[in-house]
């Protein structure tokens, strides 16, 4: 379904992608601060 949406949109300016990425991360950080979710960056190492 996501592939169909992106195909319909066609080329998107990188600046728009970066803007949306910042908005998404802002919302994610708000959710983490509220205790709704727990974020873990991909580059972050973990220990079991």
N, C-alpha and C. Protein backbone atom coordinates (compact mmCIF):
# COMPACT_ATOMS: atom_id res chain seq x y z
N UNK A 1 0.82 -1.18 0.00
CA UNK A 1 0.00 0.00 0.00
C UNK A 1 0.87 1.25 0.00
N UNK A 2 1.93 1.26 0.79
CA UNK A 2 2.84 2.40 0.81
C UNK A 2 3.51 2.59 -0.55
N UNK A 3 3.86 1.49 -1.20
CA UNK A 3 4.48 1.58 -2.52
C UNK A 3 3.54 2.21 -3.52
N UNK A 4 2.26 1.90 -3.45
CA UNK A 4 1.27 2.48 -4.36
C UNK A 4 1.16 3.98 -4.13
N UNK A 5 1.19 4.39 -2.88
CA UNK A 5 1.10 5.82 -2.56
C UNK A 5 2.32 6.56 -3.09
N UNK A 6 3.52 6.01 -2.84
CA UNK A 6 4.73 6.68 -3.30
C UNK A 6 4.81 6.72 -4.82
N UNK A 7 4.32 5.70 -5.49
CA UNK A 7 4.30 5.69 -6.95
C UNK A 7 3.37 6.78 -7.47
N UNK A 8 2.25 6.98 -6.80
CA UNK A 8 1.30 8.01 -7.20
C UNK A 8 1.86 9.41 -7.01
N UNK A 9 2.64 9.59 -5.95
CA UNK A 9 3.20 10.91 -5.65
C UNK A 9 4.26 11.34 -6.65
N UNK A 10 5.01 10.37 -7.16
CA UNK A 10 6.10 10.70 -8.07
C UNK A 10 7.27 11.31 -7.31
N UNK A 11 8.15 11.99 -8.04
CA UNK A 11 9.33 12.59 -7.39
C UNK A 11 8.93 13.63 -6.34
N UNK A 12 9.63 13.61 -5.22
CA UNK A 12 9.36 14.54 -4.12
C UNK A 12 10.68 15.26 -3.81
N UNK A 13 10.66 16.58 -3.65
CA UNK A 13 11.89 17.30 -3.32
C UNK A 13 12.48 16.82 -1.99
N UNK A 14 13.80 16.71 -1.95
CA UNK A 14 14.48 16.26 -0.75
C UNK A 14 14.16 17.19 0.42
N UNK A 15 14.02 18.48 0.17
CA UNK A 15 13.71 19.42 1.25
C UNK A 15 12.37 19.07 1.90
N UNK A 16 11.42 18.63 1.11
CA UNK A 16 10.11 18.23 1.65
C UNK A 16 10.24 16.98 2.50
N UNK A 17 11.04 16.04 2.04
CA UNK A 17 11.27 14.80 2.79
C UNK A 17 11.91 15.12 4.14
N UNK A 18 12.92 16.00 4.13
CA UNK A 18 13.59 16.37 5.37
C UNK A 18 12.64 17.09 6.32
N UNK A 19 11.77 17.94 5.78
CA UNK A 19 10.79 18.65 6.61
C UNK A 19 9.85 17.66 7.29
N UNK A 20 9.32 16.73 6.54
CA UNK A 20 8.40 15.72 7.09
C UNK A 20 9.12 14.85 8.11
N UNK A 21 10.38 14.49 7.83
CA UNK A 21 11.16 13.68 8.77
C UNK A 21 11.31 14.42 10.10
N UNK A 22 11.59 15.73 10.06
CA UNK A 22 11.70 16.51 11.29
C UNK A 22 10.38 16.54 12.05
N UNK A 23 9.27 16.68 11.31
CA UNK A 23 7.95 16.69 11.96
C UNK A 23 7.66 15.36 12.64
N UNK A 24 7.95 14.27 11.95
CA UNK A 24 7.72 12.93 12.50
C UNK A 24 8.57 12.72 13.75
N UNK A 25 9.85 13.10 13.70
CA UNK A 25 10.72 12.93 14.86
C UNK A 25 10.27 13.81 16.02
N UNK A 26 9.75 14.98 15.74
CA UNK A 26 9.22 15.84 16.80
C UNK A 26 8.06 15.19 17.51
N UNK A 27 7.16 14.60 16.74
CA UNK A 27 6.01 13.90 17.32
C UNK A 27 6.48 12.69 18.12
N UNK A 28 7.45 11.95 17.56
CA UNK A 28 7.97 10.77 18.25
C UNK A 28 8.62 11.16 19.58
N UNK A 29 9.36 12.26 19.59
CA UNK A 29 9.99 12.71 20.84
C UNK A 29 8.94 13.12 21.87
N UNK A 30 7.89 13.78 21.42
CA UNK A 30 6.80 14.15 22.34
C UNK A 30 6.16 12.90 22.95
N UNK A 31 5.94 11.88 22.12
CA UNK A 31 5.36 10.64 22.62
C UNK A 31 6.29 9.95 23.61
N UNK A 32 7.60 10.01 23.34
CA UNK A 32 8.55 9.40 24.26
C UNK A 32 8.55 10.15 25.59
N UNK A 33 8.55 11.47 25.55
CA UNK A 33 8.53 12.26 26.78
C UNK A 33 7.27 12.00 27.60
N UNK A 34 6.17 11.70 26.92
CA UNK A 34 4.91 11.42 27.60
C UNK A 34 4.84 9.97 28.09
N UNK A 35 5.87 9.17 27.77
CA UNK A 35 5.89 7.78 28.21
C UNK A 35 5.05 6.86 27.36
N UNK A 36 4.62 7.34 26.20
CA UNK A 36 3.77 6.52 25.33
C UNK A 36 4.57 5.52 24.50
N UNK A 37 5.79 5.91 24.12
CA UNK A 37 6.65 5.02 23.33
C UNK A 37 8.07 5.11 23.87
N UNK A 38 8.93 4.18 23.44
CA UNK A 38 10.34 4.22 23.79
C UNK A 38 11.12 4.22 22.49
N UNK A 39 11.96 5.24 22.30
CA UNK A 39 12.74 5.36 21.08
C UNK A 39 14.11 4.71 21.25
N UNK A 40 14.59 4.12 20.15
CA UNK A 40 15.94 3.58 20.11
C UNK A 40 16.46 3.86 18.70
N UNK A 41 17.54 4.61 18.62
CA UNK A 41 18.12 4.92 17.32
C UNK A 41 18.84 3.70 16.78
N UNK A 42 18.84 3.53 15.46
CA UNK A 42 19.48 2.36 14.85
C UNK A 42 20.97 2.29 15.15
N UNK A 43 21.64 3.43 15.21
CA UNK A 43 23.08 3.44 15.44
C UNK A 43 23.43 3.14 16.89
N UNK A 44 22.43 3.17 17.75
CA UNK A 44 22.67 2.95 19.17
C UNK A 44 22.91 1.47 19.46
N UNK A 45 24.00 1.17 20.17
CA UNK A 45 24.29 -0.21 20.53
C UNK A 45 23.46 -0.59 21.74
N UNK A 46 23.12 -1.86 21.83
CA UNK A 46 22.33 -2.35 22.95
C UNK A 46 23.03 -3.53 23.61
N UNK A 47 22.67 -3.79 24.85
CA UNK A 47 23.19 -4.95 25.57
C UNK A 47 22.01 -5.74 26.10
N UNK A 48 22.11 -7.04 26.04
CA UNK A 48 21.03 -7.91 26.51
C UNK A 48 21.35 -8.42 27.90
